[in-house]
């Protein structure tokens, strides 16, 4: 009997904990939403320009997405299709939540990375050859994929703004409301999910404390767009991030190897 009582108490405690984890999401009032305008541009070697609007369709439970874009194959597409009000509501909700700090956002990015792909290495021709074998370099590189070192690797990758040339993305999102000021979000980030986001009129530089590193915000915006648009693809980018982290870890492994086993020609630099 005593065992049954202990079991019952444990069960109640477990159920209480589970219920506590379930956050009740307040409904989002979309009645005053007139339009969401999404503009995406990319400068560099390939010029990209995409424009979309999301407006009430006049039918219960749906909005209407209109816009134009060019696919990677060069096909010009004019889109006009219904999207669910719940998807619009989720974006509005995410945009209204408190900002995410950088560390929190990068933790979520790290969780979403394909760890198997991260640990899969392509053969690299090194000139001059590394003093370590390919297997030794890969084993050294894998040490950077533990939780703490991976976060540090991701943080260095995101850096503080533009990291490479010929790739200058810009996304501007405007939510127009009846009787309320227009809400504005924008990002110039080259990195996965276009993190971080900024509020208000686009500026050259903003305090880091004002940045929003919310992955769910990027995901909810992505859900409104056509899957073959460049904007949609840019709002993910985790596959490309995985490839870059893989190369970054190998580069760090080469540096570590050369520090432990200097080449006879120690003045020659390591190739990346």
C-alpha atoms as a PDB file:
ATOM      1  CA  UNK A   1       0.000   0.000   0.000  1.00  0.00           C
ATOM      2  CA  UNK A   2       2.869   2.304   0.864  1.00  0.00           C
ATOM      3  CA  UNK A   3       4.434   1.599  -2.525  1.00  0.00           C
ATOM      4  CA  UNK A   4       1.182   2.493  -4.290  1.00  0.00           C
ATOM      5  CA  UNK A   5       1.035   5.821  -2.431  1.00  0.00           C
ATOM      6  CA  UNK A   6       4.623   6.656  -3.376  1.00  0.00           C
ATOM      7  CA  UNK A   7       3.874   5.741  -6.988  1.00  0.00           C
ATOM      8  CA  UNK A   8       0.773   7.949  -7.023  1.00  0.00           C
ATOM      9  CA  UNK A   9       2.683  10.917  -5.609  1.00  0.00           C
ATOM     10  CA  UNK A  10       5.445  10.444  -8.194  1.00  0.00           C
ATOM     11  CA  UNK A  11       2.883  10.229 -11.015  1.00  0.00           C
ATOM     12  CA  UNK A  12       1.148  13.431  -9.908  1.00  0.00           C
ATOM     13  CA  UNK A  13       4.505  15.215  -9.667  1.00  0.00           C
ATOM     14  CA  UNK A  14       5.453  14.039 -13.152  1.00  0.00           C
ATOM     15  CA  UNK A  15       2.156  15.152 -14.657  1.00  0.00           C
ATOM     16  CA  UNK A  16       2.422  18.507 -12.908  1.00  0.00           C
ATOM     17  CA  UNK A  17       5.907  19.025 -14.323  1.00  0.00           C
ATOM     18  CA  UNK A  18       4.720  18.135 -17.816  1.00  0.00           C
ATOM     19  CA  UNK A  19       1.790  20.504 -17.606  1.00  0.00           C
ATOM     20  CA  UNK A  20       4.026  23.277 -16.290  1.00  0.00           C
ATOM     21  CA  UNK A  21       6.214  22.936 -19.382  1.00  0.00           C
ATOM     22  CA  UNK A  22       3.226  23.457 -21.684  1.00  0.00           C
ATOM     23  CA  UNK A  23       3.022  27.192 -22.160  1.00  0.00           C
ATOM     24  CA  UNK A  24      -0.368  28.560 -23.020  1.00  0.00           C
ATOM     25  CA  UNK A  25      -0.031  30.701 -26.133  1.00  0.00           C
ATOM     26  CA  UNK A  26      -2.327  33.704 -26.105  1.00  0.00           C
ATOM     27  CA  UNK A  27      -4.321  34.179 -29.337  1.00  0.00           C
ATOM     28  CA  UNK A  28      -3.040  36.864 -31.694  1.00  0.00           C
ATOM     29  CA  UNK A  29      -5.516  39.510 -32.837  1.00  0.00           C
ATOM     30  CA  UNK A  30      -5.048  39.975 -36.599  1.00  0.00           C
ATOM     31  CA  UNK A  31      -8.185  42.074 -37.117  1.00  0.00           C
ATOM     32  CA  UNK A  32      -6.223  45.312 -37.569  1.00  0.00           C
ATOM     33  CA  UNK A  33      -3.478  43.869 -39.780  1.00  0.00           C
ATOM     34  CA  UNK A  34      -3.645  45.471 -43.228  1.00  0.00           C
ATOM     35  CA  UNK A  35      -0.454  44.175 -44.837  1.00  0.00           C
ATOM     36  CA  UNK A  36       2.880  42.479 -44.269  1.00  0.00           C
ATOM     37  CA  UNK A  37       5.394  43.587 -46.875  1.00  0.00           C
ATOM     38  CA  UNK A  38       8.566  41.514 -47.332  1.00  0.00           C
ATOM     39  CA  UNK A  39      11.387  42.851 -49.509  1.00  0.00           C
ATOM     40  CA  UNK A  40      14.570  40.871 -50.109  1.00  0.00           C
ATOM     41  CA  UNK A  41      17.655  41.969 -52.018  1.00  0.00           C
ATOM     42  CA  UNK A  42      21.065  40.447 -52.524  1.00  0.00           C
ATOM     43  CA  UNK A  43      24.013  42.290 -54.021  1.00  0.00           C
ATOM     44  CA  UNK A  44      27.331  40.861 -55.196  1.00  0.00           C
ATOM     45  CA  UNK A  45      28.085  38.512 -58.065  1.00  0.00           C
ATOM     46  CA  UNK A  46      24.405  37.613 -58.433  1.00  0.00           C
ATOM     47  CA  UNK A  47      21.809  40.368 -58.079  1.00  0.00           C
ATOM     48  CA  UNK A  48      18.537  39.205 -56.520  1.00  0.00           C
ATOM     49  CA  UNK A  49      15.380  41.184 -55.873  1.00  0.00           C
ATOM     50  CA  UNK A  50      12.155  39.744 -54.455  1.00  0.00           C
ATOM     51  CA  UNK A  51       9.001  41.455 -53.201  1.00  0.00           C
ATOM     52  CA  UNK A  52       5.996  39.937 -51.412  1.00  0.00           C
ATOM     53  CA  UNK A  53       2.850  41.157 -49.680  1.00  0.00           C
ATOM     54  CA  UNK A  54       0.583  39.290 -47.280  1.00  0.00           C
ATOM     55  CA  UNK A  55      -2.931  40.732 -46.976  1.00  0.00           C
ATOM     56  CA  UNK A  56      -6.305  39.580 -45.634  1.00  0.00           C
ATOM     57  CA  UNK A  57      -8.018  37.491 -48.315  1.00  0.00           C
ATOM     58  CA  UNK A  58     -11.566  38.288 -47.241  1.00  0.00           C
ATOM     59  CA  UNK A  59     -12.131  34.601 -46.475  1.00  0.00           C
ATOM     60  CA  UNK A  60     -12.137  33.318 -42.884  1.00  0.00           C
ATOM     61  CA  UNK A  61      -8.893  31.723 -41.764  1.00  0.00           C
ATOM     62  CA  UNK A  62      -6.752  32.798 -44.714  1.00  0.00           C
ATOM     63  CA  UNK A  63      -4.524  35.574 -45.994  1.00  0.00           C
ATOM     64  CA  UNK A  64      -3.289  36.082 -49.545  1.00  0.00           C
ATOM     65  CA  UNK A  65       0.393  36.024 -50.524  1.00  0.00           C
ATOM     66  CA  UNK A  66       1.299  37.943 -53.675  1.00  0.00           C
ATOM     67  CA  UNK A  67       4.731  38.600 -55.104  1.00  0.00           C
ATOM     68  CA  UNK A  68       7.351  38.001 -57.731  1.00  0.00           C
ATOM     69  CA  UNK A  69      10.751  36.361 -57.741  1.00  0.00           C
ATOM     70  CA  UNK A  70      13.238  34.513 -59.928  1.00  0.00           C
ATOM     71  CA  UNK A  71      14.295  30.946 -59.123  1.00  0.00           C
ATOM     72  CA  UNK A  72      17.908  29.789 -59.173  1.00  0.00           C
ATOM     73  CA  UNK A  73      17.249  28.351 -62.643  1.00  0.00           C
ATOM     74  CA  UNK A  74      16.282  31.779 -63.913  1.00  0.00           C
ATOM     75  CA  UNK A  75      12.532  31.166 -64.065  1.00  0.00           C
ATOM     76  CA  UNK A  76      10.428  34.246 -63.320  1.00  0.00           C
ATOM     77  CA  UNK A  77       7.547  33.407 -60.985  1.00  0.00           C
ATOM     78  CA  UNK A  78       4.497  35.462 -60.062  1.00  0.00           C
ATOM     79  CA  UNK A  79       2.856  34.005 -56.991  1.00  0.00           C
ATOM     80  CA  UNK A  80      -0.667  34.481 -55.670  1.00  0.00           C
ATOM     81  CA  UNK A  81      -1.775  31.899 -53.156  1.00  0.00           C
ATOM     82  CA  UNK A  82      -3.652  31.651 -49.843  1.00  0.00           C
ATOM     83  CA  UNK A  83      -1.769  31.122 -46.598  1.00  0.00           C
ATOM     84  CA  UNK A  84      -3.233  30.151 -43.261  1.00  0.00           C
ATOM     85  CA  UNK A  85      -4.066  32.818 -40.711  1.00  0.00           C
ATOM     86  CA  UNK A  86      -2.346  30.699 -38.061  1.00  0.00           C
ATOM     87  CA  UNK A  87       0.981  31.050 -39.922  1.00  0.00           C
ATOM     88  CA  UNK A  88       0.552  34.815 -40.114  1.00  0.00           C
ATOM     89  CA  UNK A  89      -0.399  34.910 -36.434  1.00  0.00           C
ATOM     90  CA  UNK A  90       2.700  32.917 -35.501  1.00  0.00           C
ATOM     91  CA  UNK A  91       4.975  35.405 -37.270  1.00  0.00           C
ATOM     92  CA  UNK A  92       3.232  38.351 -35.628  1.00  0.00           C
ATOM     93  CA  UNK A  93       3.555  36.625 -32.260  1.00  0.00           C
ATOM     94  CA  UNK A  94       7.256  35.877 -32.695  1.00  0.00           C
ATOM     95  CA  UNK A  95       7.917  39.446 -33.830  1.00  0.00           C
ATOM     96  CA  UNK A  96       6.248  40.815 -30.704  1.00  0.00           C
ATOM     97  CA  UNK A  97       8.079  38.627 -28.173  1.00  0.00           C
ATOM     98  CA  UNK A  98      11.065  39.930 -26.177  1.00  0.00           C
ATOM     99  CA  UNK A  99      14.390  39.893 -28.000  1.00  0.00           C
ATOM    100  CA  UNK A 100      16.616  36.837 -27.794  1.00  0.00           C
ATOM    101  CA  UNK A 101      20.196  37.341 -26.644  1.00  0.00           C
ATOM    102  CA  UNK A 102      23.020  36.251 -28.949  1.00  0.00           C
ATOM    103  CA  UNK A 103      24.032  33.273 -26.792  1.00  0.00           C
ATOM    104  CA  UNK A 104      20.484  31.894 -26.682  1.00  0.00           C
ATOM    105  CA  UNK A 105      20.052  32.192 -30.437  1.00  0.00           C
ATOM    106  CA  UNK A 106      23.357  30.487 -31.215  1.00  0.00           C
ATOM    107  CA  UNK A 107      22.523  27.645 -28.824  1.00  0.00           C
ATOM    108  CA  UNK A 108      19.399  26.890 -30.880  1.00  0.00           C
ATOM    109  CA  UNK A 109      21.408  27.053 -34.120  1.00  0.00           C
ATOM    110  CA  UNK A 110      23.913  24.589 -32.637  1.00  0.00           C
ATOM    111  CA  UNK A 111      21.096  22.187 -31.687  1.00  0.00           C
ATOM    112  CA  UNK A 112      19.744  22.202 -35.247  1.00  0.00           C
ATOM    113  CA  UNK A 113      23.033  21.349 -36.953  1.00  0.00           C
ATOM    114  CA  UNK A 114      23.302  17.873 -38.504  1.00  0.00           C
ATOM    115  CA  UNK A 115      26.056  16.391 -36.321  1.00  0.00           C
ATOM    116  CA  UNK A 116      26.715  13.523 -38.752  1.00  0.00           C
ATOM    117  CA  UNK A 117      27.265  15.933 -41.638  1.00  0.00           C
ATOM    118  CA  UNK A 118      29.446  18.085 -39.399  1.00  0.00           C
ATOM    119  CA  UNK A 119      31.785  15.133 -38.785  1.00  0.00           C
ATOM    120  CA  UNK A 120      31.955  14.077 -42.444  1.00  0.00           C
ATOM    121  CA  UNK A 121      35.122  15.420 -44.063  1.00  0.00           C
ATOM    122  CA  UNK A 122      35.978  15.817 -47.736  1.00  0.00           C
ATOM    123  CA  UNK A 123      39.581  15.094 -48.799  1.00  0.00           C
ATOM    124  CA  UNK A 124      41.668  18.272 -49.149  1.00  0.00           C
ATOM    125  CA  UNK A 125      44.845  18.781 -51.179  1.00  0.00           C
ATOM    126  CA  UNK A 126      47.291  20.658 -48.948  1.00  0.00           C
ATOM    127  CA  UNK A 127      50.342  22.435 -50.371  1.00  0.00           C
ATOM    128  CA  UNK A 128      52.752  22.063 -48.691  1.00  0.00           C
ATOM    129  CA  UNK A 129      51.566  18.835 -47.050  1.00  0.00           C
ATOM    130  CA  UNK A 130      50.556  18.927 -43.402  1.00  0.00           C
ATOM    131  CA  UNK A 131      52.903  17.296 -40.880  1.00  0.00           C
ATOM    132  CA  UNK A 132      49.821  15.371 -39.663  1.00  0.00           C
ATOM    133  CA  UNK A 133      47.987  12.678 -41.573  1.00  0.00           C
ATOM    134  CA  UNK A 134      44.454  13.266 -42.821  1.00  0.00           C
ATOM    135  CA  UNK A 135      43.097  10.964 -40.119  1.00  0.00           C
ATOM    136  CA  UNK A 136      45.000  12.847 -37.412  1.00  0.00           C
ATOM    137  CA  UNK A 137      43.658  16.178 -38.666  1.00  0.00           C
ATOM    138  CA  UNK A 138      40.101  14.880 -38.689  1.00  0.00           C
ATOM    139  CA  UNK A 139      40.427  13.564 -35.153  1.00  0.00           C
ATOM    140  CA  UNK A 140      41.760  16.955 -34.018  1.00  0.00           C
ATOM    141  CA  UNK A 141      38.928  18.729 -35.864  1.00  0.00           C
ATOM    142  CA  UNK A 142      36.272  16.592 -34.172  1.00  0.00           C
ATOM    143  CA  UNK A 143      37.411  17.936 -30.809  1.00  0.00           C
ATOM    144  CA  UNK A 144      35.851  21.261 -31.827  1.00  0.00           C
ATOM    145  CA  UNK A 145      32.409  19.667 -32.158  1.00  0.00           C
ATOM    146  CA  UNK A 146      31.745  19.215 -28.454  1.00  0.00           C
ATOM    147  CA  UNK A 147      29.052  21.468 -27.043  1.00  0.00           C
ATOM    148  CA  UNK A 148      31.263  24.248 -25.643  1.00  0.00           C
ATOM    149  CA  UNK A 149      33.800  24.376 -28.473  1.00  0.00           C
ATOM    150  CA  UNK A 150      31.083  24.132 -31.123  1.00  0.00           C
ATOM    151  CA  UNK A 151      29.318  27.156 -29.640  1.00  0.00           C
ATOM    152  CA  UNK A 152      32.609  29.049 -29.681  1.00  0.00           C
ATOM    153  CA  UNK A 153      33.159  28.022 -33.310  1.00  0.00           C
ATOM    154  CA  UNK A 154      29.654  29.212 -34.259  1.00  0.00           C
ATOM    155  CA  UNK A 155      30.133  32.479 -32.371  1.00  0.00           C
ATOM    156  CA  UNK A 156      33.359  33.192 -34.276  1.00  0.00           C
ATOM    157  CA  UNK A 157      31.597  32.329 -37.532  1.00  0.00           C
ATOM    158  CA  UNK A 158      28.797  34.833 -36.917  1.00  0.00           C
ATOM    159  CA  UNK A 159      31.364  37.455 -35.951  1.00  0.00           C
ATOM    160  CA  UNK A 160      30.269  41.087 -35.962  1.00  0.00           C
ATOM    161  CA  UNK A 161      28.731  41.755 -39.375  1.00  0.00           C
ATOM    162  CA  UNK A 162      29.907  41.132 -42.955  1.00  0.00           C
ATOM    163  CA  UNK A 163      32.481  38.320 -43.110  1.00  0.00           C
ATOM    164  CA  UNK A 164      32.960  37.737 -46.842  1.00  0.00           C
ATOM    165  CA  UNK A 165      32.692  39.809 -50.006  1.00  0.00           C
ATOM    166  CA  UNK A 166      30.296  39.680 -52.981  1.00  0.00           C
ATOM    167  CA  UNK A 167      27.371  38.712 -50.768  1.00  0.00           C
ATOM    168  CA  UNK A 168      25.316  41.594 -49.416  1.00  0.00           C
ATOM    169  CA  UNK A 169      21.812  40.449 -48.408  1.00  0.00           C
ATOM    170  CA  UNK A 170      19.118  42.731 -47.064  1.00  0.00           C
ATOM    171  CA  UNK A 171      15.628  41.812 -45.864  1.00  0.00           C
ATOM    172  CA  UNK A 172      13.051  44.386 -44.812  1.00  0.00           C
ATOM    173  CA  UNK A 173       9.731  43.382 -43.231  1.00  0.00           C
ATOM    174  CA  UNK A 174       6.976  45.928 -42.583  1.00  0.00           C
ATOM    175  CA  UNK A 175       3.725  45.185 -40.779  1.00  0.00           C
ATOM    176  CA  UNK A 176       1.071  47.835 -41.410  1.00  0.00           C
ATOM    177  CA  UNK A 177      -1.790  48.085 -38.929  1.00  0.00           C
ATOM    178  CA  UNK A 178      -4.990  50.072 -38.827  1.00  0.00           C
ATOM    179  CA  UNK A 179      -4.700  52.760 -36.161  1.00  0.00           C
ATOM    180  CA  UNK A 180      -1.225  51.612 -35.081  1.00  0.00           C
ATOM    181  CA  UNK A 181       2.334  52.512 -36.137  1.00  0.00           C
ATOM    182  CA  UNK A 182       3.994  50.313 -38.752  1.00  0.00           C
ATOM    183  CA  UNK A 183       6.259  47.630 -37.261  1.00  0.00           C
ATOM    184  CA  UNK A 184       9.602  47.238 -39.039  1.00  0.00           C
ATOM    185  CA  UNK A 185      12.148  44.412 -38.918  1.00  0.00           C
ATOM    186  CA  UNK A 186      15.304  44.133 -40.992  1.00  0.00           C
ATOM    187  CA  UNK A 187      18.530  42.196 -41.366  1.00  0.00           C
ATOM    188  CA  UNK A 188      21.729  42.475 -43.411  1.00  0.00           C
ATOM    189  CA  UNK A 189      23.136  39.210 -42.083  1.00  0.00           C
ATOM    190  CA  UNK A 190      24.996  36.816 -44.378  1.00  0.00           C
ATOM    191  CA  UNK A 191      24.738  34.055 -41.813  1.00  0.00           C
ATOM    192  CA  UNK A 192      22.257  31.216 -41.297  1.00  0.00           C
ATOM    193  CA  UNK A 193      18.648  32.328 -40.632  1.00  0.00           C
ATOM    194  CA  UNK A 194      19.759  35.919 -41.263  1.00  0.00           C
ATOM    195  CA  UNK A 195      20.435  36.318 -37.550  1.00  0.00           C
ATOM    196  CA  UNK A 196      20.379  38.776 -35.913  1.00  0.00           C
ATOM    197  CA  UNK A 197      17.270  40.892 -36.602  1.00  0.00           C
ATOM    198  CA  UNK A 198      16.948  44.606 -35.929  1.00  0.00           C
ATOM    199  CA  UNK A 199      13.916  46.729 -35.110  1.00  0.00           C
ATOM    200  CA  UNK A 200      13.013  50.038 -36.735  1.00  0.00           C
ATOM    201  CA  UNK A 201      14.392  51.943 -39.700  1.00  0.00           C
ATOM    202  CA  UNK A 202      17.496  50.278 -41.240  1.00  0.00           C
ATOM    203  CA  UNK A 203      20.756  51.823 -40.057  1.00  0.00           C
ATOM    204  CA  UNK A 204      24.439  51.186 -40.724  1.00  0.00           C
ATOM    205  CA  UNK A 205      25.146  50.250 -37.127  1.00  0.00           C
ATOM    206  CA  UNK A 206      23.022  49.368 -34.105  1.00  0.00           C
ATOM    207  CA  UNK A 207      23.950  48.471 -30.519  1.00  0.00           C
ATOM    208  CA  UNK A 208      24.284  44.714 -30.068  1.00  0.00           C
ATOM    209  CA  UNK A 209      21.855  44.910 -27.159  1.00  0.00           C
ATOM    210  CA  UNK A 210      19.089  45.911 -29.608  1.00  0.00           C
ATOM    211  CA  UNK A 211      19.570  42.831 -31.816  1.00  0.00           C
ATOM    212  CA  UNK A 212      17.167  39.901 -31.816  1.00  0.00           C
ATOM    213  CA  UNK A 213      18.730  36.432 -32.236  1.00  0.00           C
ATOM    214  CA  UNK A 214      15.424  34.548 -32.363  1.00  0.00           C
ATOM    215  CA  UNK A 215      15.492  31.486 -34.636  1.00  0.00           C
ATOM    216  CA  UNK A 216      11.701  31.021 -34.290  1.00  0.00           C
ATOM    217  CA  UNK A 217      11.261  34.532 -35.718  1.00  0.00           C
ATOM    218  CA  UNK A 218      13.226  33.555 -38.837  1.00  0.00           C
ATOM    219  CA  UNK A 219      11.326  30.262 -39.108  1.00  0.00           C
ATOM    220  CA  UNK A 220       7.906  31.913 -38.810  1.00  0.00           C
ATOM    221  CA  UNK A 221       8.793  34.458 -41.507  1.00  0.00           C
ATOM    222  CA  UNK A 222      10.120  31.692 -43.738  1.00  0.00           C
ATOM    223  CA  UNK A 223       6.805  29.838 -43.423  1.00  0.00           C
ATOM    224  CA  UNK A 224       5.072  32.699 -45.253  1.00  0.00           C
ATOM    225  CA  UNK A 225       7.297  32.519 -48.363  1.00  0.00           C
ATOM    226  CA  UNK A 226       7.461  30.260 -51.450  1.00  0.00           C
ATOM    227  CA  UNK A 227       9.964  27.407 -50.905  1.00  0.00           C
ATOM    228  CA  UNK A 228      11.835  28.096 -54.171  1.00  0.00           C
ATOM    229  CA  UNK A 229      12.362  31.804 -53.471  1.00  0.00           C
ATOM    230  CA  UNK A 230      15.854  33.021 -52.507  1.00  0.00           C
ATOM    231  CA  UNK A 231      14.425  34.717 -49.419  1.00  0.00           C
ATOM    232  CA  UNK A 232      13.009  31.400 -48.192  1.00  0.00           C
ATOM    233  CA  UNK A 233      16.338  29.663 -48.707  1.00  0.00           C
ATOM    234  CA  UNK A 234      18.252  32.463 -47.041  1.00  0.00           C
ATOM    235  CA  UNK A 235      16.136  32.231 -43.906  1.00  0.00           C
ATOM    236  CA  UNK A 236      17.493  28.728 -43.298  1.00  0.00           C
ATOM    237  CA  UNK A 237      21.111  28.304 -44.415  1.00  0.00           C
ATOM    238  CA  UNK A 238      22.016  25.722 -41.737  1.00  0.00           C
ATOM    239  CA  UNK A 239      23.432  23.315 -44.358  1.00  0.00           C
ATOM    240  CA  UNK A 240      25.852  25.977 -45.577  1.00  0.00           C
ATOM    241  CA  UNK A 241      26.735  26.827 -41.984  1.00  0.00           C
ATOM    242  CA  UNK A 242      27.534  23.160 -41.292  1.00  0.00           C
ATOM    243  CA  UNK A 243      29.946  23.065 -44.243  1.00  0.00           C
ATOM    244  CA  UNK A 244      31.705  26.237 -43.095  1.00  0.00           C
ATOM    245  CA  UNK A 245      32.048  24.966 -39.517  1.00  0.00           C
ATOM    246  CA  UNK A 246      33.498  21.727 -40.865  1.00  0.00           C
ATOM    247  CA  UNK A 247      36.170  23.698 -42.784  1.00  0.00           C
ATOM    248  CA  UNK A 248      36.807  26.021 -39.827  1.00  0.00           C
ATOM    249  CA  UNK A 249      37.433  23.059 -37.530  1.00  0.00           C
ATOM    250  CA  UNK A 250      39.861  21.530 -40.023  1.00  0.00           C
ATOM    251  CA  UNK A 251      41.686  24.844 -40.280  1.00  0.00           C
ATOM    252  CA  UNK A 252      42.013  24.999 -36.489  1.00  0.00           C
ATOM    253  CA  UNK A 253      43.246  21.402 -36.520  1.00  0.00           C
ATOM    254  CA  UNK A 254      45.954  22.303 -39.053  1.00  0.00           C
ATOM    255  CA  UNK A 255      47.111  25.180 -36.878  1.00  0.00           C
ATOM    256  CA  UNK A 256      47.184  22.915 -33.826  1.00  0.00           C
ATOM    257  CA  UNK A 257      49.118  20.261 -35.732  1.00  0.00           C
ATOM    258  CA  UNK A 258      51.712  22.706 -37.044  1.00  0.00           C
ATOM    259  CA  UNK A 259      52.233  24.147 -33.565  1.00  0.00           C
ATOM    260  CA  UNK A 260      52.987  20.648 -32.255  1.00  0.00           C
ATOM    261  CA  UNK A 261      54.980  19.452 -35.282  1.00  0.00           C
ATOM    262  CA  UNK A 262      56.583  22.389 -37.095  1.00  0.00           C
ATOM    263  CA  UNK A 263      57.526  21.735 -40.694  1.00  0.00           C
ATOM    264  CA  UNK A 264      61.211  21.925 -41.612  1.00  0.00           C
ATOM    265  CA  UNK A 265      60.314  25.055 -43.622  1.00  0.00           C
ATOM    266  CA  UNK A 266      58.638  26.672 -40.583  1.00  0.00           C
ATOM    267  CA  UNK A 267      58.323  30.014 -42.356  1.00  0.00           C
ATOM    268  CA  UNK A 268      55.758  28.690 -44.821  1.00  0.00           C
ATOM    269  CA  UNK A 269      52.114  29.380 -43.822  1.00  0.00           C
ATOM    270  CA  UNK A 270      49.285  26.903 -43.552  1.00  0.00           C
ATOM    271  CA  UNK A 271      46.952  26.726 -46.525  1.00  0.00           C
ATOM    272  CA  UNK A 272      43.255  26.992 -45.808  1.00  0.00           C
END
